[in-house]
């Protein structure tokens, strides 16, 4: 019931303070559902208390998962697992159209679009569409005029980071 759900907001499963524990270790946390758990620092809301605990690490900086090879720390176990593949060279996500393989599923999905021609990111202001969300984000700046990438050596600004970086190379002679 909603009353029971609200009373649980003060339970150890929902507490937004204290040590952030790994929900995989507590079966009760996995079954604790149906409440709206809101971050006290931002507008993030989730149905699951363990998702809120993971999200809070954005604000607290807690990174409890450490790579045993290079000692980098991570906020989420799955990010550590992805990172470990950089050491092992494991590339478990294989393209069925070509010999390529990838460390991350998301990169395979992006790659598959080179074979299918899929362009799922559609500009709502013109007919252009893109394979990658970041390309749509860059494109939208052509409509808004936003130029967030500033040259630190002169007054020029750019809509895309790569254009700013190319421009910065024109200053190389000035820096020597």
N, C-alpha and C. Protein backbone atom coordinates (compact mmCIF):
# COMPACT_ATOMS: atom_id res chain seq x y z
N UNK A 1 0.83 -1.19 0.00
CA UNK A 1 0.00 0.00 0.00
C UNK A 1 0.88 1.25 0.00
N UNK A 2 0.27 2.40 -0.35
CA UNK A 2 1.04 3.64 -0.40
C UNK A 2 1.54 4.04 0.98
N UNK A 3 0.68 3.81 2.03
CA UNK A 3 1.09 4.15 3.39
C UNK A 3 2.32 3.33 3.80
N UNK A 4 2.27 2.04 3.49
CA UNK A 4 3.41 1.17 3.80
C UNK A 4 4.64 1.61 3.02
N UNK A 5 4.43 1.97 1.77
CA UNK A 5 5.52 2.41 0.92
C UNK A 5 6.16 3.68 1.49
N UNK A 6 5.34 4.64 1.91
CA UNK A 6 5.87 5.88 2.47
C UNK A 6 6.63 5.62 3.76
N UNK A 7 6.13 4.69 4.59
CA UNK A 7 6.84 4.41 5.84
C UNK A 7 8.19 3.76 5.56
N UNK A 8 8.29 3.06 4.45
CA UNK A 8 9.55 2.39 4.12
C UNK A 8 10.61 3.38 3.65
N UNK A 9 10.21 4.61 3.33
CA UNK A 9 11.19 5.59 2.88
C UNK A 9 12.24 5.88 3.95
N UNK A 10 11.93 5.57 5.19
CA UNK A 10 12.91 5.78 6.25
C UNK A 10 13.66 4.50 6.60
N UNK A 11 13.37 3.42 5.88
CA UNK A 11 14.04 2.16 6.19
C UNK A 11 15.46 2.16 5.64
N UNK A 12 16.22 1.14 6.00
CA UNK A 12 17.62 1.07 5.57
C UNK A 12 17.72 0.88 4.06
N UNK A 13 16.68 0.35 3.44
CA UNK A 13 16.72 0.14 2.00
C UNK A 13 16.61 1.45 1.24
N UNK A 14 15.90 2.42 1.80
CA UNK A 14 15.63 3.66 1.08
C UNK A 14 16.47 4.83 1.55
N UNK A 15 17.18 4.68 2.63
CA UNK A 15 17.91 5.81 3.21
C UNK A 15 18.87 6.40 2.19
N UNK A 16 18.84 7.70 2.06
CA UNK A 16 19.70 8.37 1.10
C UNK A 16 21.02 8.78 1.74
N UNK A 17 21.25 8.34 2.96
CA UNK A 17 22.51 8.69 3.63
C UNK A 17 23.19 7.43 4.11
N UNK A 18 24.40 7.57 4.57
CA UNK A 18 25.15 6.43 5.06
C UNK A 18 25.90 5.74 3.94
N UNK A 19 26.48 4.61 4.25
CA UNK A 19 27.29 3.87 3.28
C UNK A 19 26.40 3.30 2.19
N UNK A 20 26.85 3.39 0.97
CA UNK A 20 26.10 2.85 -0.15
C UNK A 20 26.52 1.40 -0.34
N UNK A 21 25.58 0.49 -0.08
CA UNK A 21 25.93 -0.93 -0.17
C UNK A 21 25.57 -1.48 -1.53
N UNK A 22 26.14 -2.62 -1.85
CA UNK A 22 25.89 -3.26 -3.13
C UNK A 22 24.55 -3.99 -3.06
N UNK A 23 23.57 -3.60 -3.88
CA UNK A 23 22.25 -4.22 -3.81
C UNK A 23 22.27 -5.70 -4.18
N UNK A 24 23.25 -6.13 -4.92
CA UNK A 24 23.31 -7.53 -5.33
C UNK A 24 23.51 -8.44 -4.12
N UNK A 25 23.97 -7.88 -3.01
CA UNK A 25 24.23 -8.71 -1.84
C UNK A 25 23.00 -8.86 -0.96
N UNK A 26 21.95 -8.10 -1.19
CA UNK A 26 20.79 -8.11 -0.32
C UNK A 26 19.53 -8.43 -1.11
N UNK A 27 19.01 -9.65 -1.00
CA UNK A 27 17.80 -10.00 -1.76
C UNK A 27 16.63 -9.07 -1.47
N UNK A 28 16.52 -8.57 -0.24
CA UNK A 28 15.41 -7.68 0.10
C UNK A 28 15.44 -6.42 -0.74
N UNK A 29 16.63 -5.94 -1.07
CA UNK A 29 16.72 -4.72 -1.86
C UNK A 29 16.21 -4.94 -3.27
N UNK A 30 16.45 -6.14 -3.81
CA UNK A 30 15.98 -6.42 -5.16
C UNK A 30 14.46 -6.45 -5.20
N UNK A 31 13.83 -6.94 -4.13
CA UNK A 31 12.38 -7.06 -4.13
C UNK A 31 11.70 -5.78 -3.67
N UNK A 32 12.43 -4.84 -3.11
CA UNK A 32 11.85 -3.59 -2.64
C UNK A 32 11.53 -2.70 -3.83
N UNK A 33 10.27 -2.68 -4.23
CA UNK A 33 9.87 -1.98 -5.46
C UNK A 33 8.57 -1.22 -5.20
N UNK A 34 8.21 -0.42 -6.16
CA UNK A 34 6.91 0.23 -6.13
C UNK A 34 6.91 1.62 -5.51
N UNK A 35 7.95 1.99 -4.81
CA UNK A 35 8.04 3.33 -4.24
C UNK A 35 8.72 4.26 -5.24
N UNK A 36 8.51 5.54 -5.05
CA UNK A 36 9.24 6.52 -5.85
C UNK A 36 10.39 7.02 -4.98
N UNK A 37 11.59 6.76 -5.42
CA UNK A 37 12.78 7.15 -4.68
C UNK A 37 13.41 8.33 -5.40
N UNK A 38 13.44 9.47 -4.73
CA UNK A 38 13.97 10.68 -5.36
C UNK A 38 15.28 11.08 -4.72
N UNK A 39 16.21 11.48 -5.59
CA UNK A 39 17.50 11.98 -5.12
C UNK A 39 17.29 13.31 -4.41
N UNK A 40 17.95 13.48 -3.29
CA UNK A 40 17.81 14.74 -2.55
C UNK A 40 18.72 15.84 -3.10
N UNK A 41 19.55 15.51 -4.10
CA UNK A 41 20.47 16.49 -4.68
C UNK A 41 20.03 16.99 -6.06
N UNK A 42 19.20 16.19 -6.77
CA UNK A 42 18.78 16.58 -8.12
C UNK A 42 17.39 15.99 -8.39
N UNK A 43 16.93 16.06 -9.64
CA UNK A 43 15.58 15.62 -9.99
C UNK A 43 15.46 14.13 -10.29
N UNK A 44 16.52 13.36 -10.12
CA UNK A 44 16.48 11.93 -10.44
C UNK A 44 15.45 11.22 -9.57
N UNK A 45 14.59 10.41 -10.22
CA UNK A 45 13.58 9.61 -9.53
C UNK A 45 13.62 8.20 -10.11
N UNK A 46 13.47 7.20 -9.25
CA UNK A 46 13.44 5.81 -9.71
C UNK A 46 12.49 5.00 -8.85
N UNK A 47 12.06 3.89 -9.40
CA UNK A 47 11.19 2.97 -8.66
C UNK A 47 12.01 2.08 -7.73
N UNK A 48 13.30 1.95 -7.99
CA UNK A 48 14.12 0.99 -7.27
C UNK A 48 15.11 1.68 -6.33
N UNK A 49 15.12 1.24 -5.08
CA UNK A 49 16.02 1.85 -4.10
C UNK A 49 17.49 1.62 -4.47
N UNK A 50 17.81 0.46 -5.03
CA UNK A 50 19.21 0.20 -5.36
C UNK A 50 19.68 1.07 -6.51
N UNK A 51 18.77 1.47 -7.43
CA UNK A 51 19.16 2.41 -8.49
C UNK A 51 19.47 3.78 -7.89
N UNK A 52 18.70 4.19 -6.88
CA UNK A 52 18.99 5.46 -6.21
C UNK A 52 20.35 5.39 -5.53
N UNK A 53 20.65 4.28 -4.89
CA UNK A 53 21.95 4.14 -4.23
C UNK A 53 23.09 4.27 -5.23
N UNK A 54 22.94 3.64 -6.40
CA UNK A 54 23.97 3.77 -7.44
C UNK A 54 24.05 5.22 -7.92
N UNK A 55 22.88 5.85 -8.15
CA UNK A 55 22.86 7.23 -8.63
C UNK A 55 23.53 8.18 -7.64
N UNK A 56 23.32 7.98 -6.36
CA UNK A 56 23.89 8.88 -5.35
C UNK A 56 25.41 8.97 -5.45
N UNK A 57 26.03 7.95 -6.01
CA UNK A 57 27.49 7.98 -6.17
C UNK A 57 27.94 9.10 -7.10
N UNK A 58 27.04 9.56 -7.98
CA UNK A 58 27.35 10.71 -8.83
C UNK A 58 27.63 11.92 -7.95
N UNK A 59 26.87 12.05 -6.87
CA UNK A 59 27.00 13.21 -5.98
C UNK A 59 28.05 13.00 -4.89
N UNK A 60 28.15 11.78 -4.38
CA UNK A 60 29.06 11.54 -3.26
C UNK A 60 30.49 11.28 -3.71
N UNK A 61 30.63 10.85 -4.97
CA UNK A 61 31.95 10.51 -5.47
C UNK A 61 32.42 9.13 -5.05
N UNK A 62 31.57 8.39 -4.34
CA UNK A 62 31.95 7.04 -3.91
C UNK A 62 32.18 6.16 -5.13
N UNK A 63 33.32 5.47 -5.13
CA UNK A 63 33.70 4.56 -6.22
C UNK A 63 34.22 3.27 -5.59
N UNK A 64 33.32 2.39 -5.16
CA UNK A 64 33.73 1.25 -4.35
C UNK A 64 34.34 0.07 -5.11
N UNK A 65 34.29 0.08 -6.43
CA UNK A 65 34.78 -1.07 -7.20
C UNK A 65 36.14 -0.74 -7.79
N UNK A 66 37.17 -1.49 -7.37
CA UNK A 66 38.53 -1.19 -7.79
C UNK A 66 39.08 -2.28 -8.71
N UNK A 67 39.76 -1.82 -9.78
CA UNK A 67 40.45 -2.74 -10.68
C UNK A 67 41.69 -3.27 -9.95
N UNK A 68 41.82 -4.58 -9.89
CA UNK A 68 42.96 -5.19 -9.19
C UNK A 68 44.26 -5.08 -10.00
N UNK A 69 44.15 -4.65 -11.27
CA UNK A 69 45.34 -4.56 -12.11
C UNK A 69 45.95 -3.15 -12.14
N UNK A 70 45.09 -2.13 -12.22
CA UNK A 70 45.63 -0.76 -12.30
C UNK A 70 45.14 0.14 -11.17
N UNK A 71 44.27 -0.38 -10.32
CA UNK A 71 43.77 0.32 -9.14
C UNK A 71 42.86 1.50 -9.45
N UNK A 72 42.35 1.61 -10.70
CA UNK A 72 41.30 2.59 -10.98
C UNK A 72 40.04 2.18 -10.23
N UNK A 73 39.26 3.18 -9.80
CA UNK A 73 38.03 2.91 -9.05
C UNK A 73 36.82 3.30 -9.89
N UNK A 74 35.71 2.57 -9.64
CA UNK A 74 34.49 2.77 -10.41
C UNK A 74 33.29 2.80 -9.49
N UNK A 75 32.28 3.57 -9.87
CA UNK A 75 31.07 3.69 -9.06
C UNK A 75 30.14 2.50 -9.25
N UNK A 76 30.22 1.84 -10.40
CA UNK A 76 29.29 0.76 -10.74
C UNK A 76 30.10 -0.48 -11.13
N UNK A 77 29.67 -1.64 -10.66
CA UNK A 77 30.39 -2.89 -10.94
C UNK A 77 30.46 -3.17 -12.43
N UNK A 78 29.38 -2.90 -13.17
CA UNK A 78 29.38 -3.18 -14.61
C UNK A 78 30.42 -2.34 -15.34
N UNK A 79 30.68 -1.13 -14.86
CA UNK A 79 31.72 -0.29 -15.47
C UNK A 79 33.10 -0.89 -15.21
N UNK A 80 33.31 -1.42 -14.02
CA UNK A 80 34.56 -2.13 -13.73
C UNK A 80 34.72 -3.32 -14.67
N UNK A 81 33.65 -4.08 -14.87
CA UNK A 81 33.73 -5.25 -15.75
C UNK A 81 34.09 -4.84 -17.18
N UNK A 82 33.51 -3.75 -17.68
CA UNK A 82 33.86 -3.24 -19.01
C UNK A 82 35.33 -2.83 -19.04
N UNK A 83 35.77 -2.15 -17.98
CA UNK A 83 37.15 -1.70 -17.88
C UNK A 83 38.13 -2.87 -17.91
N UNK A 84 37.80 -3.95 -17.21
CA UNK A 84 38.70 -5.10 -17.14
C UNK A 84 39.02 -5.65 -18.53
N UNK A 85 38.09 -5.50 -19.46
CA UNK A 85 38.34 -5.97 -20.83
C UNK A 85 39.45 -5.19 -21.51
N UNK A 86 39.75 -3.97 -21.04
CA UNK A 86 40.87 -3.23 -21.63
C UNK A 86 42.19 -3.91 -21.26
N UNK A 87 42.22 -4.61 -20.13
CA UNK A 87 43.43 -5.33 -19.72
C UNK A 87 43.51 -6.71 -20.38
N UNK A 88 42.38 -7.39 -20.46
CA UNK A 88 42.39 -8.78 -20.96
C UNK A 88 42.36 -8.84 -22.48
N UNK A 89 41.88 -7.77 -23.11
CA UNK A 89 41.74 -7.79 -24.57
C UNK A 89 40.49 -8.52 -25.03
N UNK A 90 39.68 -8.99 -24.09
CA UNK A 90 38.46 -9.72 -24.44
C UNK A 90 37.52 -8.82 -25.25
N UNK A 91 37.00 -9.37 -26.33
CA UNK A 91 36.07 -8.66 -27.20
C UNK A 91 34.88 -9.59 -27.47
N UNK A 92 33.98 -9.72 -26.50
CA UNK A 92 32.94 -10.75 -26.60
C UNK A 92 31.77 -10.41 -27.54
N UNK A 93 31.68 -9.18 -28.00
CA UNK A 93 30.54 -8.78 -28.82
C UNK A 93 30.95 -8.79 -30.28
N UNK A 94 30.53 -9.82 -31.00
CA UNK A 94 30.98 -10.06 -32.37
C UNK A 94 29.93 -9.62 -33.38
N UNK A 95 30.39 -8.96 -34.43
CA UNK A 95 29.52 -8.55 -35.53
C UNK A 95 29.23 -9.78 -36.38
N UNK A 96 27.96 -9.99 -36.73
CA UNK A 96 27.60 -11.14 -37.57
C UNK A 96 27.74 -10.83 -39.06
N UNK A 97 28.10 -9.58 -39.39
CA UNK A 97 28.24 -9.17 -40.79
C UNK A 97 29.70 -9.09 -41.25
N UNK A 98 30.61 -8.97 -40.32
CA UNK A 98 32.03 -8.82 -40.66
C UNK A 98 32.86 -9.38 -39.50
N UNK A 99 34.18 -9.43 -39.65
CA UNK A 99 35.01 -10.04 -38.59
C UNK A 99 35.22 -9.19 -37.34
N UNK A 100 34.69 -8.00 -37.29
CA UNK A 100 34.95 -7.12 -36.15
C UNK A 100 34.31 -7.65 -34.87
N UNK A 101 34.95 -7.36 -33.75
CA UNK A 101 34.39 -7.66 -32.43
C UNK A 101 34.71 -6.49 -31.50
N UNK A 102 33.94 -6.40 -30.42
CA UNK A 102 34.00 -5.21 -29.58
C UNK A 102 33.97 -5.58 -28.10
N UNK A 103 34.50 -4.68 -27.29
CA UNK A 103 34.51 -4.87 -25.84
C UNK A 103 33.15 -4.57 -25.22
N UNK A 104 32.39 -3.68 -25.87
CA UNK A 104 31.12 -3.26 -25.30
C UNK A 104 29.98 -3.49 -26.30
N UNK A 105 28.84 -3.92 -25.77
CA UNK A 105 27.66 -4.16 -26.60
C UNK A 105 27.21 -2.89 -27.30
N UNK A 106 27.26 -1.76 -26.61
CA UNK A 106 26.80 -0.49 -27.20
C UNK A 106 27.64 -0.11 -28.42
N UNK A 107 28.92 -0.43 -28.40
CA UNK A 107 29.79 -0.12 -29.55
C UNK A 107 29.45 -1.05 -30.72
N UNK A 108 29.12 -2.31 -30.43
CA UNK A 108 28.67 -3.22 -31.48
C UNK A 108 27.39 -2.69 -32.12
N UNK A 109 26.45 -2.24 -31.32
CA UNK A 109 25.18 -1.72 -31.85
C UNK A 109 25.45 -0.52 -32.76
N UNK A 110 26.32 0.38 -32.33
CA UNK A 110 26.70 1.52 -33.19
C UNK A 110 27.33 1.02 -34.49
N UNK A 111 28.22 0.03 -34.38
CA UNK A 111 28.90 -0.51 -35.55
C UNK A 111 27.90 -1.14 -36.53
N UNK A 112 26.92 -1.86 -36.03
CA UNK A 112 25.94 -2.53 -36.90
C UNK A 112 25.23 -1.54 -37.82
N UNK A 113 25.12 -0.31 -37.38
CA UNK A 113 24.47 0.71 -38.22
C UNK A 113 25.27 1.00 -39.49
N UNK A 114 26.56 0.70 -39.49
CA UNK A 114 27.34 0.88 -40.72
C UNK A 114 26.91 -0.15 -41.75
N UNK A 115 26.41 -1.30 -41.31
CA UNK A 115 25.94 -2.34 -42.23
C UNK A 115 24.49 -2.12 -42.63
N UNK A 116 23.66 -1.70 -41.68
CA UNK A 116 22.22 -1.58 -41.94
C UNK A 116 21.83 -0.24 -42.54
N UNK A 117 22.68 0.77 -42.33
CA UNK A 117 22.33 2.12 -42.79
C UNK A 117 21.33 2.81 -41.88
N UNK A 118 20.99 2.19 -40.76
CA UNK A 118 20.02 2.77 -39.83
C UNK A 118 20.53 4.11 -39.30
N UNK A 119 19.64 5.08 -39.25
CA UNK A 119 19.95 6.42 -38.74
C UNK A 119 18.82 6.82 -37.79
N UNK A 120 18.84 6.30 -36.56
CA UNK A 120 17.69 6.46 -35.67
C UNK A 120 17.55 7.83 -35.01
N UNK A 121 18.56 8.68 -35.12
CA UNK A 121 18.51 9.97 -34.43
C UNK A 121 18.11 11.05 -35.42
N UNK A 122 16.84 11.45 -35.38
CA UNK A 122 16.23 12.36 -36.34
C UNK A 122 16.21 13.78 -35.78
N UNK A 123 16.65 14.74 -36.58
CA UNK A 123 16.54 16.15 -36.20
C UNK A 123 15.07 16.55 -36.31
N UNK A 124 14.55 17.20 -35.28
CA UNK A 124 13.15 17.63 -35.30
C UNK A 124 12.97 18.96 -36.03
N UNK A 125 14.08 19.57 -36.48
CA UNK A 125 13.99 20.86 -37.16
C UNK A 125 14.25 20.78 -38.66
N UNK A 126 14.80 19.67 -39.12
CA UNK A 126 15.06 19.48 -40.55
C UNK A 126 15.05 17.98 -40.85
N UNK A 127 15.17 17.60 -42.12
CA UNK A 127 15.05 16.17 -42.46
C UNK A 127 16.28 15.30 -42.14
N UNK A 128 17.34 15.88 -41.63
CA UNK A 128 18.56 15.09 -41.41
C UNK A 128 18.38 14.08 -40.27
N UNK A 129 19.06 12.94 -40.43
CA UNK A 129 19.09 11.93 -39.38
C UNK A 129 20.52 11.40 -39.26
N UNK A 130 20.81 10.77 -38.12
CA UNK A 130 22.18 10.41 -37.79
C UNK A 130 22.26 9.03 -37.17
N UNK A 131 23.42 8.40 -37.31
CA UNK A 131 23.65 7.08 -36.71
C UNK A 131 23.91 7.18 -35.21
N UNK A 132 24.45 8.30 -34.78
CA UNK A 132 24.87 8.44 -33.38
C UNK A 132 24.19 9.67 -32.76
N UNK A 133 23.81 9.54 -31.49
CA UNK A 133 23.16 10.64 -30.77
C UNK A 133 24.08 11.86 -30.70
N UNK A 134 25.38 11.64 -30.51
CA UNK A 134 26.31 12.77 -30.39
C UNK A 134 26.36 13.56 -31.70
N UNK A 135 26.20 12.88 -32.84
CA UNK A 135 26.19 13.60 -34.12
C UNK A 135 24.95 14.47 -34.23
N UNK A 136 23.82 13.98 -33.74
CA UNK A 136 22.60 14.81 -33.72
C UNK A 136 22.80 16.01 -32.81
N UNK A 137 23.40 15.80 -31.65
CA UNK A 137 23.65 16.90 -30.72
C UNK A 137 24.51 17.97 -31.38
N UNK A 138 25.58 17.55 -32.06
CA UNK A 138 26.43 18.50 -32.79
C UNK A 138 25.63 19.22 -33.87
N UNK A 139 24.82 18.48 -34.62
CA UNK A 139 24.03 19.06 -35.71
C UNK A 139 23.03 20.10 -35.19
N UNK A 140 22.40 19.82 -34.06
CA UNK A 140 21.39 20.75 -33.53
C UNK A 140 21.98 22.14 -33.28
N UNK A 141 23.27 22.19 -33.04
CA UNK A 141 23.91 23.50 -32.84
C UNK A 141 23.90 24.34 -34.10
N UNK A 142 23.77 23.72 -35.28
CA UNK A 142 23.66 24.51 -36.51
C UNK A 142 22.35 25.27 -36.53
N UNK A 143 21.35 24.75 -35.83
CA UNK A 143 20.05 25.43 -35.76
C UNK A 143 20.02 26.46 -34.62
N UNK A 144 20.64 26.14 -33.51
CA UNK A 144 20.57 27.02 -32.34
C UNK A 144 21.63 28.11 -32.35
N UNK A 145 22.71 27.88 -33.08
CA UNK A 145 23.81 28.84 -33.08
C UNK A 145 24.74 28.70 -31.88
N UNK A 146 24.48 27.71 -31.04
CA UNK A 146 25.32 27.50 -29.86
C UNK A 146 26.74 27.14 -30.30
N UNK A 147 27.72 27.76 -29.64
CA UNK A 147 29.14 27.52 -29.94
C UNK A 147 29.88 27.35 -28.62
N UNK A 148 29.75 26.17 -28.00
CA UNK A 148 30.28 26.00 -26.64
C UNK A 148 31.78 25.75 -26.54
N UNK A 149 32.43 25.49 -27.66
CA UNK A 149 33.86 25.16 -27.62
C UNK A 149 34.69 26.39 -27.94
N UNK A 150 35.34 26.93 -26.92
CA UNK A 150 36.07 28.19 -27.04
C UNK A 150 37.56 27.95 -27.20
N UNK A 151 38.18 28.77 -28.02
CA UNK A 151 39.64 28.77 -28.12
C UNK A 151 40.16 29.57 -26.93
N UNK A 152 41.09 28.99 -26.21
CA UNK A 152 41.62 29.66 -25.02
C UNK A 152 42.69 30.69 -25.37
N UNK A 153 43.05 30.78 -26.65
CA UNK A 153 44.11 31.70 -27.05
C UNK A 153 43.59 32.90 -27.85
N UNK A 154 42.36 32.81 -28.33
CA UNK A 154 41.76 33.95 -29.04
C UNK A 154 40.26 33.93 -28.77
N UNK A 155 39.54 34.80 -29.40
CA UNK A 155 38.12 34.96 -29.10
C UNK A 155 37.21 34.02 -29.88
N UNK A 156 37.75 33.14 -30.70
CA UNK A 156 36.90 32.29 -31.53
C UNK A 156 36.22 31.19 -30.72
N UNK A 157 35.01 30.84 -31.18
CA UNK A 157 34.28 29.72 -30.57
C UNK A 157 33.71 28.86 -31.69
N UNK A 158 33.39 27.61 -31.34
CA UNK A 158 33.01 26.63 -32.35
C UNK A 158 31.84 25.78 -31.86
N UNK A 159 31.06 25.28 -32.81
CA UNK A 159 29.93 24.43 -32.45
C UNK A 159 30.36 22.99 -32.22
N UNK A 160 31.52 22.61 -32.75
CA UNK A 160 31.99 21.24 -32.58
C UNK A 160 33.41 21.24 -32.02
N UNK A 161 33.66 20.31 -31.13
CA UNK A 161 34.96 20.21 -30.47
C UNK A 161 36.08 19.96 -31.47
N UNK A 162 35.83 19.11 -32.48
CA UNK A 162 36.89 18.78 -33.44
C UNK A 162 37.31 20.03 -34.22
N UNK A 163 36.36 20.93 -34.51
CA UNK A 163 36.71 22.17 -35.22
C UNK A 163 37.54 23.09 -34.33
N UNK A 164 37.21 23.16 -33.05
CA UNK A 164 38.00 23.96 -32.11
C UNK A 164 39.42 23.39 -32.02
N UNK A 165 39.52 22.06 -31.93
CA UNK A 165 40.84 21.43 -31.82
C UNK A 165 41.68 21.68 -33.06
N UNK A 166 41.06 21.60 -34.24
CA UNK A 166 41.78 21.89 -35.49
C UNK A 166 42.24 23.35 -35.49
N UNK A 167 41.37 24.25 -35.03
CA UNK A 167 41.73 25.66 -34.95
C UNK A 167 42.91 25.88 -34.00
N UNK A 168 42.90 25.18 -32.87
CA UNK A 168 43.97 25.36 -31.88
C UNK A 168 45.34 25.05 -32.49
N UNK A 169 45.37 24.13 -33.45
CA UNK A 169 46.65 23.79 -34.09
C UNK A 169 47.20 24.96 -34.90
N UNK A 170 46.34 25.90 -35.30
CA UNK A 170 46.83 27.07 -36.04
C UNK A 170 47.64 27.99 -35.13
N UNK A 171 47.51 27.83 -33.83
CA UNK A 171 48.25 28.66 -32.87
C UNK A 171 49.60 28.07 -32.50
N UNK A 172 49.93 26.89 -33.00
CA UNK A 172 51.17 26.21 -32.57
C UNK A 172 52.40 27.09 -32.76
N UNK A 173 52.51 27.75 -33.89
CA UNK A 173 53.65 28.63 -34.14
C UNK A 173 53.73 29.77 -33.14
N UNK A 174 52.58 30.26 -32.67
CA UNK A 174 52.54 31.37 -31.71
C UNK A 174 53.03 30.95 -30.33
N UNK A 175 52.93 29.66 -30.03
CA UNK A 175 53.29 29.18 -28.69
C UNK A 175 54.78 28.90 -28.54
N UNK A 176 55.51 28.84 -29.66
CA UNK A 176 56.93 28.49 -29.59
C UNK A 176 57.81 29.71 -29.48
